[in-house]
């Protein structure tokens, strides 16, 4: 099962980590730029309304008061809009950070599974070598463990039976060709 999961991905864990890190950095830069732009737009709007309010004061005190109120409301609204943009950007960045952390964890899990798979493969290649050594000890009559001696005896009996069956096949073949 570990081998199947390893085959399902073509990307190397290091490449996935690098891509995740690059995406996190680009997203962070983009949201900082959006937040900064929103603040600049808000400030320019305040400046424009201040200029407009000053001109209206010259035209009339009452109109100036109304425009001052409007300018103050715009300042408050612009400040709130900038704060909200910052909050939204912060929330998005926080979510992206969590996604990045999950991706990093997934990469780490894949690396661990790959290491496990390599260890399992190593164990599978060691098994036949152990069998060969045990059978060699049995053949030299140096094997003392009763359960291993019994298993090796069964293998030897099976080898004899296999040789007999092969001899039967050769006997049948030679009869057919005569």
N, C-alpha and C. Protein backbone atom coordinates (compact mmCIF):
# COMPACT_ATOMS: atom_id res chain seq x y z
N UNK A 1 0.82 -1.21 0.00
CA UNK A 1 0.00 0.00 0.00
C UNK A 1 0.85 1.26 0.00
N UNK A 2 1.96 1.22 0.70
CA UNK A 2 2.86 2.39 0.72
C UNK A 2 3.42 2.63 -0.68
N UNK A 3 3.70 1.53 -1.42
CA UNK A 3 4.22 1.68 -2.77
C UNK A 3 3.20 2.32 -3.68
N UNK A 4 1.90 1.95 -3.54
CA UNK A 4 0.85 2.55 -4.35
C UNK A 4 0.75 4.04 -4.11
N UNK A 5 0.84 4.44 -2.86
CA UNK A 5 0.73 5.87 -2.55
C UNK A 5 1.94 6.62 -3.08
N UNK A 6 3.08 6.00 -3.05
CA UNK A 6 4.29 6.65 -3.55
C UNK A 6 4.19 6.84 -5.06
N UNK A 7 3.59 5.85 -5.77
CA UNK A 7 3.48 5.94 -7.23
C UNK A 7 2.47 7.00 -7.65
N UNK A 8 1.52 7.39 -6.81
CA UNK A 8 0.47 8.34 -7.17
C UNK A 8 0.96 9.76 -7.31
N UNK A 9 2.17 10.05 -6.92
CA UNK A 9 2.66 11.43 -7.01
C UNK A 9 3.93 11.45 -7.82
N UNK A 10 4.04 12.39 -8.75
CA UNK A 10 5.24 12.55 -9.55
C UNK A 10 6.15 13.61 -8.98
N UNK A 11 5.60 14.51 -8.16
CA UNK A 11 6.37 15.62 -7.61
C UNK A 11 7.25 15.14 -6.48
N UNK A 12 8.45 15.67 -6.43
CA UNK A 12 9.35 15.36 -5.32
C UNK A 12 8.96 16.22 -4.15
N UNK A 13 9.10 15.67 -2.94
CA UNK A 13 8.72 16.44 -1.74
C UNK A 13 9.42 17.79 -1.67
N UNK A 14 10.68 17.84 -2.09
CA UNK A 14 11.40 19.12 -2.01
C UNK A 14 10.78 20.15 -2.96
N UNK A 15 10.32 19.67 -4.16
CA UNK A 15 9.70 20.59 -5.12
C UNK A 15 8.38 21.11 -4.57
N UNK A 16 7.61 20.21 -3.94
CA UNK A 16 6.32 20.63 -3.37
C UNK A 16 6.54 21.66 -2.27
N UNK A 17 7.57 21.42 -1.39
CA UNK A 17 7.87 22.39 -0.33
C UNK A 17 8.24 23.74 -0.93
N UNK A 18 9.07 23.71 -1.97
CA UNK A 18 9.52 24.96 -2.59
C UNK A 18 8.35 25.70 -3.23
N UNK A 19 7.45 24.95 -3.91
CA UNK A 19 6.27 25.57 -4.52
C UNK A 19 5.36 26.17 -3.47
N UNK A 20 5.14 25.45 -2.39
CA UNK A 20 4.28 25.96 -1.30
C UNK A 20 4.88 27.23 -0.72
N UNK A 21 6.17 27.23 -0.48
CA UNK A 21 6.84 28.39 0.09
C UNK A 21 6.74 29.58 -0.87
N UNK A 22 6.93 29.34 -2.17
CA UNK A 22 6.86 30.39 -3.18
C UNK A 22 5.45 30.98 -3.25
N UNK A 23 4.43 30.10 -3.23
CA UNK A 23 3.04 30.55 -3.29
C UNK A 23 2.70 31.38 -2.05
N UNK A 24 3.16 30.92 -0.87
CA UNK A 24 2.89 31.66 0.36
C UNK A 24 3.50 33.06 0.28
N UNK A 25 4.73 33.13 -0.22
CA UNK A 25 5.41 34.43 -0.32
C UNK A 25 4.71 35.36 -1.29
N UNK A 26 4.32 34.84 -2.47
CA UNK A 26 3.64 35.67 -3.47
C UNK A 26 2.28 36.15 -2.95
N UNK A 27 1.55 35.26 -2.28
CA UNK A 27 0.24 35.64 -1.75
C UNK A 27 0.39 36.71 -0.69
N UNK A 28 1.38 36.56 0.15
CA UNK A 28 1.63 37.55 1.21
C UNK A 28 1.95 38.90 0.60
N UNK A 29 2.82 38.92 -0.41
CA UNK A 29 3.17 40.18 -1.08
C UNK A 29 1.95 40.82 -1.72
N UNK A 30 1.13 40.01 -2.38
CA UNK A 30 -0.07 40.53 -3.07
C UNK A 30 -1.03 41.16 -2.08
N UNK A 31 -1.27 40.49 -0.96
CA UNK A 31 -2.22 41.04 0.00
C UNK A 31 -1.67 42.28 0.69
N UNK A 32 -0.38 42.34 0.89
CA UNK A 32 0.21 43.56 1.45
C UNK A 32 0.05 44.72 0.47
N UNK A 33 0.23 44.45 -0.82
CA UNK A 33 0.08 45.50 -1.84
C UNK A 33 -1.38 45.99 -1.90
N UNK A 34 -2.33 45.04 -1.81
CA UNK A 34 -3.75 45.42 -1.84
C UNK A 34 -4.08 46.30 -0.64
N UNK A 35 -3.60 45.92 0.51
CA UNK A 35 -3.86 46.69 1.73
C UNK A 35 -3.24 48.08 1.63
N UNK A 36 -2.00 48.15 1.17
CA UNK A 36 -1.33 49.45 1.02
C UNK A 36 -2.06 50.33 0.00
N UNK A 37 -2.50 49.75 -1.10
CA UNK A 37 -3.21 50.51 -2.13
C UNK A 37 -4.53 51.05 -1.59
N UNK A 38 -5.23 50.23 -0.81
CA UNK A 38 -6.50 50.69 -0.22
C UNK A 38 -6.26 51.87 0.72
N UNK A 39 -5.18 51.83 1.48
CA UNK A 39 -4.87 52.94 2.39
C UNK A 39 -4.54 54.21 1.61
N UNK A 40 -3.74 54.05 0.53
CA UNK A 40 -3.37 55.23 -0.28
C UNK A 40 -4.60 55.84 -0.92
N UNK A 41 -5.49 55.02 -1.46
CA UNK A 41 -6.72 55.53 -2.08
C UNK A 41 -7.55 56.27 -1.03
N UNK A 42 -7.64 55.70 0.14
CA UNK A 42 -8.39 56.36 1.21
C UNK A 42 -7.79 57.71 1.57
N UNK A 43 -6.46 57.76 1.67
CA UNK A 43 -5.80 59.03 2.00
C UNK A 43 -6.01 60.06 0.89
N UNK A 44 -5.92 59.66 -0.36
CA UNK A 44 -6.12 60.60 -1.47
C UNK A 44 -7.55 61.11 -1.49
N UNK A 45 -8.49 60.23 -1.15
CA UNK A 45 -9.89 60.67 -1.10
C UNK A 45 -10.06 61.72 0.00
N UNK A 46 -9.41 61.50 1.12
CA UNK A 46 -9.47 62.47 2.22
C UNK A 46 -8.88 63.79 1.78
N UNK A 47 -7.72 63.73 1.12
CA UNK A 47 -7.08 64.96 0.63
C UNK A 47 -8.01 65.70 -0.34
N UNK A 48 -8.65 65.00 -1.24
CA UNK A 48 -9.55 65.63 -2.22
C UNK A 48 -10.73 66.30 -1.52
N UNK A 49 -11.29 65.62 -0.55
CA UNK A 49 -12.42 66.21 0.15
C UNK A 49 -11.99 67.41 1.01
N UNK A 50 -10.77 67.34 1.57
CA UNK A 50 -10.26 68.50 2.33
C UNK A 50 -10.15 69.72 1.42
N UNK A 51 -9.60 69.52 0.22
CA UNK A 51 -9.47 70.61 -0.74
C UNK A 51 -10.83 71.16 -1.13
N UNK A 52 -11.74 70.27 -1.38
CA UNK A 52 -13.10 70.68 -1.75
C UNK A 52 -13.77 71.43 -0.61
N UNK A 53 -13.54 70.96 0.62
CA UNK A 53 -14.14 71.62 1.80
C UNK A 53 -13.59 73.03 1.98
N UNK A 54 -12.29 73.21 1.76
CA UNK A 54 -11.69 74.54 1.88
C UNK A 54 -12.31 75.51 0.87
N UNK A 55 -12.52 75.06 -0.36
CA UNK A 55 -13.13 75.92 -1.39
C UNK A 55 -14.56 76.29 -1.03
N UNK A 56 -15.26 75.35 -0.42
CA UNK A 56 -16.65 75.61 -0.06
C UNK A 56 -16.75 76.60 1.09
N UNK A 57 -15.75 76.66 1.97
CA UNK A 57 -15.75 77.63 3.07
C UNK A 57 -15.75 79.06 2.54
N UNK A 58 -15.01 79.25 1.46
CA UNK A 58 -14.97 80.56 0.84
C UNK A 58 -16.36 80.92 0.32
N UNK A 59 -17.09 80.00 -0.23
CA UNK A 59 -18.41 80.26 -0.81
C UNK A 59 -19.46 80.51 0.26
N UNK A 60 -19.28 79.90 1.38
CA UNK A 60 -20.29 80.13 2.42
C UNK A 60 -20.01 79.29 3.65
N UNK A 61 -20.25 79.85 4.81
CA UNK A 61 -19.94 79.18 6.06
C UNK A 61 -20.77 77.91 6.22
N UNK A 62 -22.04 78.01 5.87
CA UNK A 62 -22.91 76.85 6.04
C UNK A 62 -22.49 75.71 5.12
N UNK A 63 -22.19 76.01 3.89
CA UNK A 63 -21.75 74.99 2.95
C UNK A 63 -20.44 74.38 3.43
N UNK A 64 -19.57 75.20 4.01
CA UNK A 64 -18.30 74.72 4.55
C UNK A 64 -18.51 73.73 5.68
N UNK A 65 -19.48 74.07 6.56
CA UNK A 65 -19.76 73.16 7.68
C UNK A 65 -20.25 71.81 7.17
N UNK A 66 -21.12 71.85 6.19
CA UNK A 66 -21.66 70.61 5.64
C UNK A 66 -20.52 69.78 5.02
N UNK A 67 -19.67 70.48 4.27
CA UNK A 67 -18.57 69.76 3.62
C UNK A 67 -17.55 69.26 4.63
N UNK A 68 -17.36 70.01 5.72
CA UNK A 68 -16.47 69.52 6.77
C UNK A 68 -17.01 68.24 7.37
N UNK A 69 -18.31 68.24 7.60
CA UNK A 69 -18.94 67.02 8.12
C UNK A 69 -18.76 65.86 7.12
N UNK A 70 -18.95 66.20 5.86
CA UNK A 70 -18.79 65.18 4.81
C UNK A 70 -17.33 64.69 4.76
N UNK A 71 -16.39 65.63 4.86
CA UNK A 71 -14.97 65.25 4.84
C UNK A 71 -14.63 64.36 6.04
N UNK A 72 -15.16 64.75 7.20
CA UNK A 72 -14.91 63.95 8.41
C UNK A 72 -15.50 62.55 8.26
N UNK A 73 -16.70 62.48 7.72
CA UNK A 73 -17.33 61.18 7.50
C UNK A 73 -16.51 60.35 6.51
N UNK A 74 -16.00 61.02 5.49
CA UNK A 74 -15.19 60.33 4.48
C UNK A 74 -13.90 59.83 5.11
N UNK A 75 -13.29 60.67 5.97
CA UNK A 75 -12.08 60.24 6.65
C UNK A 75 -12.35 58.99 7.48
N UNK A 76 -13.43 59.02 8.22
CA UNK A 76 -13.79 57.88 9.07
C UNK A 76 -14.06 56.65 8.20
N UNK A 77 -14.84 56.87 7.12
CA UNK A 77 -15.17 55.76 6.23
C UNK A 77 -13.91 55.20 5.56
N UNK A 78 -13.03 56.10 5.13
CA UNK A 78 -11.79 55.66 4.47
C UNK A 78 -10.92 54.89 5.46
N UNK A 79 -10.84 55.40 6.68
CA UNK A 79 -10.04 54.73 7.70
C UNK A 79 -10.61 53.33 7.98
N UNK A 80 -11.96 53.26 8.10
CA UNK A 80 -12.60 51.98 8.35
C UNK A 80 -12.39 51.02 7.17
N UNK A 81 -12.48 51.57 5.93
CA UNK A 81 -12.28 50.73 4.75
C UNK A 81 -10.86 50.17 4.73
N UNK A 82 -9.90 51.02 5.06
CA UNK A 82 -8.51 50.56 5.12
C UNK A 82 -8.32 49.50 6.18
N UNK A 83 -8.94 49.72 7.34
CA UNK A 83 -8.84 48.74 8.42
C UNK A 83 -9.48 47.41 8.00
N UNK A 84 -10.65 47.52 7.36
CA UNK A 84 -11.35 46.29 6.92
C UNK A 84 -10.50 45.56 5.88
N UNK A 85 -9.91 46.32 4.93
CA UNK A 85 -9.06 45.70 3.92
C UNK A 85 -7.89 44.98 4.59
N UNK A 86 -7.33 45.61 5.60
CA UNK A 86 -6.23 45.00 6.34
C UNK A 86 -6.68 43.74 7.05
N UNK A 87 -7.87 43.79 7.66
CA UNK A 87 -8.40 42.61 8.35
C UNK A 87 -8.64 41.46 7.37
N UNK A 88 -9.24 41.81 6.20
CA UNK A 88 -9.51 40.79 5.19
C UNK A 88 -8.20 40.17 4.72
N UNK A 89 -7.22 41.03 4.42
CA UNK A 89 -5.93 40.53 3.96
C UNK A 89 -5.29 39.66 5.04
N UNK A 90 -5.40 40.08 6.28
CA UNK A 90 -4.84 39.30 7.39
C UNK A 90 -5.53 37.94 7.50
N UNK A 91 -6.86 37.92 7.36
CA UNK A 91 -7.60 36.65 7.43
C UNK A 91 -7.19 35.72 6.29
N UNK A 92 -7.08 36.29 5.09
CA UNK A 92 -6.71 35.48 3.94
C UNK A 92 -5.30 34.93 4.14
N UNK A 93 -4.39 35.78 4.59
CA UNK A 93 -3.01 35.33 4.81
C UNK A 93 -2.95 34.26 5.90
N UNK A 94 -3.76 34.43 6.93
CA UNK A 94 -3.81 33.44 8.00
C UNK A 94 -4.28 32.10 7.44
N UNK A 95 -5.33 32.15 6.61
CA UNK A 95 -5.84 30.92 5.99
C UNK A 95 -4.81 30.28 5.09
N UNK A 96 -4.11 31.10 4.34
CA UNK A 96 -3.08 30.57 3.44
C UNK A 96 -1.93 29.97 4.24
N UNK A 97 -1.62 30.59 5.37
CA UNK A 97 -0.55 30.06 6.22
C UNK A 97 -0.94 28.67 6.72
N UNK A 98 -2.21 28.53 7.14
CA UNK A 98 -2.68 27.23 7.62
C UNK A 98 -2.62 26.19 6.50
N UNK A 99 -3.02 26.60 5.28
CA UNK A 99 -2.97 25.69 4.14
C UNK A 99 -1.53 25.30 3.84
N UNK A 100 -0.64 26.27 3.93
CA UNK A 100 0.78 25.99 3.72
C UNK A 100 1.32 25.01 4.74
N UNK A 101 0.90 25.19 5.99
CA UNK A 101 1.34 24.28 7.05
C UNK A 101 0.82 22.86 6.79
N UNK A 102 -0.45 22.78 6.33
CA UNK A 102 -1.01 21.46 6.03
C UNK A 102 -0.26 20.83 4.86
N UNK A 103 0.07 21.63 3.84
CA UNK A 103 0.82 21.11 2.70
C UNK A 103 2.20 20.64 3.15
N UNK A 104 2.83 21.41 4.03
CA UNK A 104 4.14 21.03 4.55
C UNK A 104 4.04 19.71 5.32
N UNK A 105 2.98 19.56 6.11
CA UNK A 105 2.77 18.31 6.85
C UNK A 105 2.57 17.14 5.88
N UNK A 106 1.80 17.39 4.80
CA UNK A 106 1.55 16.33 3.82
C UNK A 106 2.85 15.91 3.15
N UNK A 107 3.70 16.87 2.85
CA UNK A 107 5.00 16.55 2.25
C UNK A 107 5.84 15.74 3.22
N UNK A 108 5.84 16.12 4.47
CA UNK A 108 6.61 15.39 5.48
C UNK A 108 6.11 13.96 5.61
N UNK A 109 4.79 13.79 5.57
CA UNK A 109 4.20 12.44 5.65
C UNK A 109 4.64 11.61 4.44
N UNK A 110 4.63 12.23 3.25
CA UNK A 110 5.06 11.52 2.05
C UNK A 110 6.53 11.10 2.16
N UNK A 111 7.35 11.97 2.70
CA UNK A 111 8.77 11.64 2.88
C UNK A 111 8.94 10.46 3.83
N UNK A 112 8.17 10.45 4.91
CA UNK A 112 8.25 9.37 5.88
C UNK A 112 7.76 8.06 5.25
N UNK A 113 6.65 8.13 4.51
CA UNK A 113 6.13 6.93 3.84
C UNK A 113 7.15 6.39 2.84
N UNK A 114 7.83 7.28 2.15
CA UNK A 114 8.86 6.85 1.19
C UNK A 114 9.98 6.13 1.92
N UNK A 115 10.40 6.67 3.06
CA UNK A 115 11.46 6.04 3.85
C UNK A 115 11.01 4.66 4.34
N UNK A 116 9.76 4.55 4.77
CA UNK A 116 9.21 3.26 5.21
C UNK A 116 9.23 2.26 4.06
N UNK A 117 8.82 2.72 2.89
CA UNK A 117 8.80 1.86 1.70
C UNK A 117 10.19 1.34 1.37
N UNK A 118 11.20 2.20 1.48
CA UNK A 118 12.57 1.78 1.21
C UNK A 118 13.01 0.73 2.23
N UNK A 119 12.65 0.93 3.50
CA UNK A 119 13.01 -0.05 4.54
C UNK A 119 12.31 -1.38 4.31
N UNK A 120 11.03 -1.34 3.92
CA UNK A 120 10.30 -2.57 3.65
C UNK A 120 10.93 -3.32 2.47
N UNK A 121 11.33 -2.58 1.44
CA UNK A 121 11.99 -3.21 0.29
C UNK A 121 13.31 -3.85 0.70
N UNK A 122 14.05 -3.17 1.56
CA UNK A 122 15.32 -3.73 2.05
C UNK A 122 15.06 -5.03 2.80
N UNK A 123 14.02 -5.05 3.64
CA UNK A 123 13.68 -6.26 4.39
C UNK A 123 13.29 -7.40 3.45
N UNK A 124 12.56 -7.08 2.38
CA UNK A 124 12.14 -8.12 1.43
C UNK A 124 13.34 -8.73 0.73
N UNK A 125 14.37 -7.95 0.49
CA UNK A 125 15.55 -8.50 -0.18
C UNK A 125 16.43 -9.30 0.78
N UNK A 126 16.30 -9.05 2.07
CA UNK A 126 17.09 -9.77 3.07
C UNK A 126 16.52 -11.17 3.31
N UNK A 127 15.21 -11.32 3.22
CA UNK A 127 14.54 -12.61 3.50
C UNK A 127 15.12 -13.78 2.72
N UNK A 128 15.24 -13.69 1.39
CA UNK A 128 15.81 -14.83 0.64
C UNK A 128 17.26 -15.14 1.04
N UNK A 129 18.02 -14.11 1.39
CA UNK A 129 19.41 -14.34 1.80
C UNK A 129 19.45 -15.15 3.11
N UNK A 130 18.55 -14.81 4.02
CA UNK A 130 18.47 -15.56 5.28
C UNK A 130 18.12 -17.02 4.97
N UNK A 131 17.16 -17.22 4.08
CA UNK A 131 16.74 -18.59 3.72
C UNK A 131 17.91 -19.37 3.16
N UNK A 132 18.67 -18.76 2.26
CA UNK A 132 19.82 -19.44 1.67
C UNK A 132 20.83 -19.84 2.75
N UNK A 133 21.10 -18.94 3.69
CA UNK A 133 22.07 -19.24 4.74
C UNK A 133 21.57 -20.35 5.67
N UNK A 134 20.29 -20.33 5.99
CA UNK A 134 19.72 -21.38 6.85
C UNK A 134 19.80 -22.73 6.13
N UNK A 135 19.47 -22.75 4.84
CA UNK A 135 19.54 -24.01 4.09
C UNK A 135 20.99 -24.50 3.98
N UNK A 136 21.94 -23.57 3.85
CA UNK A 136 23.35 -23.97 3.78
C UNK A 136 23.77 -24.58 5.12
N UNK A 137 23.35 -23.99 6.22
CA UNK A 137 23.67 -24.57 7.55
C UNK A 137 23.03 -25.95 7.70
N UNK A 138 21.81 -26.12 7.20
CA UNK A 138 21.12 -27.41 7.27
C UNK A 138 21.90 -28.46 6.46
N UNK A 139 22.35 -28.05 5.27
CA UNK A 139 23.08 -28.98 4.41
C UNK A 139 24.39 -29.41 5.07
N UNK A 140 24.99 -28.53 5.85
CA UNK A 140 26.25 -28.84 6.54
C UNK A 140 25.99 -29.50 7.90
N UNK A 141 24.71 -29.71 8.22
CA UNK A 141 24.30 -30.32 9.48
C UNK A 141 24.75 -29.49 10.69
N UNK A 142 24.76 -28.18 10.53
CA UNK A 142 25.16 -27.27 11.60
C UNK A 142 23.97 -26.55 12.22
N UNK A 143 22.78 -26.81 11.72
CA UNK A 143 21.58 -26.14 12.20
C UNK A 143 21.05 -26.87 13.42
N UNK A 144 20.81 -26.16 14.52
CA UNK A 144 20.41 -26.79 15.79
C UNK A 144 18.96 -26.46 16.19
N UNK A 145 18.39 -25.41 15.64
CA UNK A 145 17.03 -24.99 16.02
C UNK A 145 16.03 -26.00 15.44
N UNK A 146 15.25 -26.72 16.31
CA UNK A 146 14.37 -27.79 15.84
C UNK A 146 13.33 -27.33 14.80
N UNK A 147 12.75 -26.17 15.01
CA UNK A 147 11.72 -25.74 14.07
C UNK A 147 12.32 -25.43 12.70
N UNK A 148 13.55 -24.89 12.67
CA UNK A 148 14.21 -24.61 11.40
C UNK A 148 14.67 -25.90 10.73
N UNK A 149 15.14 -26.85 11.54
CA UNK A 149 15.56 -28.15 11.00
C UNK A 149 14.37 -28.84 10.34
N UNK A 150 13.21 -28.77 10.99
CA UNK A 150 11.99 -29.39 10.44
C UNK A 150 11.60 -28.74 9.12
N UNK A 151 11.62 -27.41 9.08
CA UNK A 151 11.26 -26.70 7.84
C UNK A 151 12.25 -27.02 6.71
N UNK A 152 13.52 -27.04 7.03
CA UNK A 152 14.53 -27.36 6.03
C UNK A 152 14.37 -28.80 5.53
N UNK A 153 13.99 -29.71 6.45
CA UNK A 153 13.73 -31.10 6.06
C UNK A 153 12.58 -31.18 5.06
N UNK A 154 11.55 -30.40 5.30
CA UNK A 154 10.42 -30.37 4.36
C UNK A 154 10.86 -29.86 3.00
N UNK A 155 11.70 -28.83 3.01
CA UNK A 155 12.20 -28.28 1.74
C UNK A 155 13.01 -29.34 0.99
N UNK A 156 13.86 -30.07 1.71
CA UNK A 156 14.66 -31.13 1.08
C UNK A 156 13.76 -32.22 0.51
N UNK A 157 12.71 -32.64 1.25
CA UNK A 157 11.77 -33.65 0.76
C UNK A 157 11.10 -33.15 -0.52
N UNK A 158 10.69 -31.87 -0.51
CA UNK A 158 10.05 -31.30 -1.70
C UNK A 158 11.00 -31.28 -2.89
N UNK A 159 12.29 -30.99 -2.65
CA UNK A 159 13.27 -30.98 -3.73
C UNK A 159 13.39 -32.37 -4.34
N UNK A 160 13.40 -33.40 -3.49
CA UNK A 160 13.49 -34.79 -3.99
C UNK A 160 12.25 -35.10 -4.83
N UNK A 161 11.06 -34.71 -4.33
CA UNK A 161 9.82 -34.96 -5.07
C UNK A 161 9.82 -34.22 -6.41
N UNK A 162 10.35 -33.01 -6.41
CA UNK A 162 10.42 -32.22 -7.66
C UNK A 162 11.33 -32.94 -8.67
N UNK A 163 12.48 -33.41 -8.20
CA UNK A 163 13.40 -34.14 -9.08
C UNK A 163 12.73 -35.40 -9.64
N UNK A 164 11.96 -36.11 -8.81
CA UNK A 164 11.25 -37.31 -9.27
C UNK A 164 10.22 -36.95 -10.34
N UNK A 165 9.49 -35.83 -10.12
CA UNK A 165 8.48 -35.40 -11.08
C UNK A 165 9.13 -34.99 -12.41
N UNK A 166 10.28 -34.32 -12.32
CA UNK A 166 10.99 -33.93 -13.54
C UNK A 166 11.47 -35.17 -14.29
N UNK A 167 11.90 -36.18 -13.54
CA UNK A 167 12.33 -37.44 -14.17
C UNK A 167 11.15 -38.11 -14.86
N UNK A 168 9.96 -38.07 -14.25
CA UNK A 168 8.75 -38.64 -14.87
C UNK A 168 8.46 -37.92 -16.18
N UNK A 169 8.60 -36.59 -16.18
CA UNK A 169 8.34 -35.82 -17.40
C UNK A 169 9.31 -36.26 -18.50
N UNK A 170 10.59 -36.39 -18.16
CA UNK A 170 11.60 -36.80 -19.14
C UNK A 170 11.30 -38.21 -19.65
N UNK A 171 10.84 -39.08 -18.76
CA UNK A 171 10.50 -40.44 -19.15
C UNK A 171 9.35 -40.43 -20.15
N UNK A 172 8.35 -39.60 -19.89
CA UNK A 172 7.18 -39.52 -20.79
C UNK A 172 7.62 -38.95 -22.13
N UNK A 173 8.47 -37.94 -22.10
CA UNK A 173 8.95 -37.32 -23.35
C UNK A 173 9.74 -38.32 -24.19
N UNK A 174 10.57 -39.13 -23.53
CA UNK A 174 11.38 -40.07 -24.30
C UNK A 174 10.51 -41.18 -24.87
N UNK A 175 9.43 -41.56 -24.20
CA UNK A 175 8.51 -42.58 -24.70
C UNK A 175 7.74 -42.04 -25.90
N UNK A 176 7.38 -40.79 -25.87
CA UNK A 176 6.60 -40.17 -26.94
C UNK A 176 7.47 -40.03 -28.19
N UNK A 177 8.74 -39.71 -28.02
CA UNK A 177 9.60 -39.50 -29.18
C UNK A 177 10.07 -40.79 -29.83
N UNK A 178 9.90 -41.94 -29.18
CA UNK A 178 10.30 -43.24 -29.77
C UNK A 178 9.34 -43.76 -30.74
